[in-house]
Amino acid sequence: MTEEYAQGDEHCGECEVLAVPPGTFEVETTAEDQCCELMLQNLRADDLPVVYDATIREWGIRYLDGGSSIQRLEYCPWCGKKLPGDLWDEWRTRVEQLGLDPWDDADRIPEAFRSDRWWKEAGL
């Protein structure tokens, strides 16, 4: 996986601190997308910094420093199930194949790539 670090973020080199790229879009999550009911409940909680980006199928804990960085989750903190790998690299590749830059052309990214539709239809 290509690591995209937020400018100015410090990390230990063993953990993965990822910047949420411009162009990720808020998508309502459903029970079928989550490993357990507690994950779904906590993603919907306003007072807990657990996030799910359905566009790239990525779970994380948002740093509370005012930035957009997250610590990616590989396992559910509630049931312990291994979470599917994120699709950031695949999303970026497909967007770039359309001749678009994920950051500079965020407003031109097709609707299908603004949700989980692209990877669900592709069977990923």
C-alpha atoms as a PDB file:
ATOM      1  CA  MET A   1       0.000   0.000   0.000  1.00  0.00           C
ATOM      2  CA  THR A   2       1.258   3.468  -0.818  1.00  0.00           C
ATOM      3  CA  GLU A   3       1.426   5.564   2.314  1.00  0.00           C
ATOM      4  CA  GLU A   4       0.164   9.128   2.048  1.00  0.00           C
ATOM      5  CA  TYR A   5       1.239  11.116   5.084  1.00  0.00           C
ATOM      6  CA  ALA A   6      -0.270  14.395   6.099  1.00  0.00           C
ATOM      7  CA  GLN A   7       2.229  17.226   5.903  1.00  0.00           C
ATOM      8  CA  GLY A   8       3.849  17.764   9.273  1.00  0.00           C
ATOM      9  CA  ASP A   9       2.632  14.489  10.777  1.00  0.00           C
ATOM     10  CA  GLU A  10       5.161  12.585  12.817  1.00  0.00           C
ATOM     11  CA  HIS A  11       4.961   8.844  13.103  1.00  0.00           C
ATOM     12  CA  CYS A  12       7.018   6.036  14.518  1.00  0.00           C
ATOM     13  CA  GLY A  13       7.574   4.322  11.173  1.00  0.00           C
ATOM     14  CA  GLU A  14       5.877   1.152  12.390  1.00  0.00           C
ATOM     15  CA  CYS A  15       2.344   2.480  12.437  1.00  0.00           C
ATOM     16  CA  GLU A  16       0.458   3.844   9.504  1.00  0.00           C
ATOM     17  CA  VAL A  17      -0.747   7.424   9.769  1.00  0.00           C
ATOM     18  CA  LEU A  18      -2.717   8.278   6.675  1.00  0.00           C
ATOM     19  CA  ALA A  19      -3.980  11.620   5.492  1.00  0.00           C
ATOM     20  CA  VAL A  20      -7.573  11.603   4.367  1.00  0.00           C
ATOM     21  CA  PRO A  21      -7.164  12.681   0.738  1.00  0.00           C
ATOM     22  CA  PRO A  22      -9.182  15.532  -0.651  1.00  0.00           C
ATOM     23  CA  GLY A  23     -11.950  13.967  -2.652  1.00  0.00           C
ATOM     24  CA  THR A  24     -13.026  11.437  -0.059  1.00  0.00           C
ATOM     25  CA  PHE A  25     -16.721  11.811   0.391  1.00  0.00           C
ATOM     26  CA  GLU A  26     -19.133  11.331   3.256  1.00  0.00           C
ATOM     27  CA  VAL A  27     -21.185   8.216   2.614  1.00  0.00           C
ATOM     28  CA  GLU A  28     -23.738   6.815   5.055  1.00  0.00           C
ATOM     29  CA  THR A  29     -22.636   3.411   6.279  1.00  0.00           C
ATOM     30  CA  THR A  30     -24.970   0.471   6.681  1.00  0.00           C
ATOM     31  CA  ALA A  31     -24.965  -2.621   8.899  1.00  0.00           C
ATOM     32  CA  GLU A  32     -23.986  -4.823   5.936  1.00  0.00           C
ATOM     33  CA  ASP A  33     -20.748  -2.829   5.530  1.00  0.00           C
ATOM     34  CA  GLN A  34     -19.663  -3.325   9.136  1.00  0.00           C
ATOM     35  CA  CYS A  35     -18.371  -6.356  11.016  1.00  0.00           C
ATOM     36  CA  CYS A  36     -20.575  -5.934  14.076  1.00  0.00           C
ATOM     37  CA  GLU A  37     -23.367  -3.853  15.560  1.00  0.00           C
ATOM     38  CA  LEU A  38     -20.980  -2.114  17.980  1.00  0.00           C
ATOM     39  CA  MET A  39     -18.811  -0.913  15.083  1.00  0.00           C
ATOM     40  CA  LEU A  40     -21.869   0.532  13.380  1.00  0.00           C
ATOM     41  CA  GLN A  41     -23.093   2.211  16.575  1.00  0.00           C
ATOM     42  CA  ASN A  42     -19.700   3.746  17.301  1.00  0.00           C
ATOM     43  CA  LEU A  43     -19.238   4.994  13.754  1.00  0.00           C
ATOM     44  CA  ARG A  44     -22.538   6.818  14.122  1.00  0.00           C
ATOM     45  CA  ALA A  45     -21.608   8.271  17.539  1.00  0.00           C
ATOM     46  CA  ASP A  46     -20.790  11.973  17.433  1.00  0.00           C
ATOM     47  CA  ASP A  47     -18.446  11.851  20.411  1.00  0.00           C
ATOM     48  CA  LEU A  48     -16.071   9.106  19.217  1.00  0.00           C
ATOM     49  CA  PRO A  49     -13.395   9.734  16.554  1.00  0.00           C
ATOM     50  CA  VAL A  50     -13.831   6.358  14.824  1.00  0.00           C
ATOM     51  CA  VAL A  51     -14.381   6.865  11.098  1.00  0.00           C
ATOM     52  CA  TYR A  52     -15.231   4.780   8.064  1.00  0.00           C
ATOM     53  CA  ASP A  53     -14.593   6.057   4.558  1.00  0.00           C
ATOM     54  CA  ALA A  54     -16.894   3.960   2.388  1.00  0.00           C
ATOM     55  CA  THR A  55     -15.387   5.422  -0.780  1.00  0.00           C
ATOM     56  CA  ILE A  56     -12.112   3.590  -0.148  1.00  0.00           C
ATOM     57  CA  ARG A  57     -13.345   1.046   2.429  1.00  0.00           C
ATOM     58  CA  GLU A  58     -11.098   2.340   5.195  1.00  0.00           C
ATOM     59  CA  TRP A  59     -11.604   2.372   8.961  1.00  0.00           C
ATOM     60  CA  GLY A  60      -9.622   4.563  11.302  1.00  0.00           C
ATOM     61  CA  ILE A  61      -9.376   6.693  14.394  1.00  0.00           C
ATOM     62  CA  ARG A  62      -9.184  10.413  13.659  1.00  0.00           C
ATOM     63  CA  TYR A  63      -6.414  12.350  15.379  1.00  0.00           C
ATOM     64  CA  LEU A  64      -7.929  15.169  17.402  1.00  0.00           C
ATOM     65  CA  ASP A  65      -5.330  17.725  16.345  1.00  0.00           C
ATOM     66  CA  GLY A  66      -7.575  19.618  13.924  1.00  0.00           C
ATOM     67  CA  GLY A  67      -6.090  17.923  10.859  1.00  0.00           C
ATOM     68  CA  SER A  68      -7.446  15.201   8.631  1.00  0.00           C
ATOM     69  CA  SER A  69      -5.066  12.368   9.566  1.00  0.00           C
ATOM     70  CA  ILE A  70      -6.273   9.036  10.837  1.00  0.00           C
ATOM     71  CA  GLN A  71      -4.695   5.990  12.399  1.00  0.00           C
ATOM     72  CA  ARG A  72      -5.895   3.140  10.184  1.00  0.00           C
ATOM     73  CA  LEU A  73      -7.607   0.230  11.904  1.00  0.00           C
ATOM     74  CA  GLU A  74      -6.823  -3.305  10.782  1.00  0.00           C
ATOM     75  CA  TYR A  75      -9.049  -5.027  13.344  1.00  0.00           C
ATOM     76  CA  CYS A  76     -12.394  -4.097  14.858  1.00  0.00           C
ATOM     77  CA  PRO A  77     -11.820  -2.650  18.341  1.00  0.00           C
ATOM     78  CA  TRP A  78     -15.081  -4.257  19.556  1.00  0.00           C
ATOM     79  CA  CYS A  79     -15.306  -7.767  18.080  1.00  0.00           C
ATOM     80  CA  GLY A  80     -11.670  -8.271  17.028  1.00  0.00           C
ATOM     81  CA  LYS A  81     -12.471  -9.306  13.457  1.00  0.00           C
ATOM     82  CA  LYS A  82      -9.838  -8.481  10.822  1.00  0.00           C
ATOM     83  CA  LEU A  83     -11.171  -5.692   8.615  1.00  0.00           C
ATOM     84  CA  PRO A  84     -10.860  -5.873   4.822  1.00  0.00           C
ATOM     85  CA  GLY A  85      -7.941  -3.959   3.354  1.00  0.00           C
ATOM     86  CA  ASP A  86      -8.540  -0.429   2.198  1.00  0.00           C
ATOM     87  CA  LEU A  87      -8.910   0.415  -1.487  1.00  0.00           C
ATOM     88  CA  TRP A  88      -7.085   3.765  -1.563  1.00  0.00           C
ATOM     89  CA  ASP A  89      -4.463   2.639  -4.111  1.00  0.00           C
ATOM     90  CA  GLU A  90      -7.090   1.048  -6.349  1.00  0.00           C
ATOM     91  CA  TRP A  91      -9.356   4.131  -6.120  1.00  0.00           C
ATOM     92  CA  ARG A  92      -6.492   6.484  -6.932  1.00  0.00           C
ATOM     93  CA  THR A  93      -5.366   4.317  -9.877  1.00  0.00           C
ATOM     94  CA  ARG A  94      -8.863   4.238 -11.348  1.00  0.00           C
ATOM     95  CA  VAL A  95      -9.343   7.985 -10.884  1.00  0.00           C
ATOM     96  CA  GLU A  96      -5.957   8.680 -12.493  1.00  0.00           C
ATOM     97  CA  GLN A  97      -6.878   6.374 -15.421  1.00  0.00           C
ATOM     98  CA  LEU A  98      -9.708   8.833 -16.069  1.00  0.00           C
ATOM     99  CA  GLY A  99      -7.073  11.550 -16.445  1.00  0.00           C
ATOM    100  CA  LEU A 100      -7.945  13.099 -13.082  1.00  0.00           C
ATOM    101  CA  ASP A 101      -5.814  13.963 -10.086  1.00  0.00           C
ATOM    102  CA  PRO A 102      -7.438  12.913  -6.777  1.00  0.00           C
ATOM    103  CA  TRP A 103      -6.493  16.224  -5.153  1.00  0.00           C
ATOM    104  CA  ASP A 104      -6.551  18.798  -7.932  1.00  0.00           C
ATOM    105  CA  ASP A 105      -9.635  17.449  -9.708  1.00  0.00           C
ATOM    106  CA  ALA A 106     -11.738  16.415  -6.709  1.00  0.00           C
ATOM    107  CA  ASP A 107     -14.729  18.367  -8.006  1.00  0.00           C
ATOM    108  CA  ARG A 108     -14.570  16.515 -11.352  1.00  0.00           C
ATOM    109  CA  ILE A 109     -14.453  12.961  -9.985  1.00  0.00           C
ATOM    110  CA  PRO A 110     -17.433  10.978 -11.360  1.00  0.00           C
ATOM    111  CA  GLU A 111     -20.322  10.252  -9.019  1.00  0.00           C
ATOM    112  CA  ALA A 112     -19.597   6.505  -9.029  1.00  0.00           C
ATOM    113  CA  PHE A 113     -16.207   7.208  -7.400  1.00  0.00           C
ATOM    114  CA  ARG A 114     -17.738   9.428  -4.708  1.00  0.00           C
ATOM    115  CA  SER A 115     -19.245   6.458  -2.890  1.00  0.00           C
ATOM    116  CA  ASP A 116     -18.722   2.755  -2.352  1.00  0.00           C
ATOM    117  CA  ARG A 117     -20.563   2.006  -5.608  1.00  0.00           C
ATOM    118  CA  TRP A 118     -17.372   1.691  -7.704  1.00  0.00           C
ATOM    119  CA  TRP A 119     -15.803  -1.072  -5.606  1.00  0.00           C
ATOM    120  CA  LYS A 120     -19.040  -2.922  -4.886  1.00  0.00           C
ATOM    121  CA  GLU A 121     -19.902  -3.069  -8.582  1.00  0.00           C
ATOM    122  CA  ALA A 122     -16.365  -4.270  -9.323  1.00  0.00           C
ATOM    123  CA  GLY A 123     -16.681  -7.046  -6.733  1.00  0.00           C
ATOM    124  CA  LEU A 124     -13.810  -5.769  -4.645  1.00  0.00           C
END
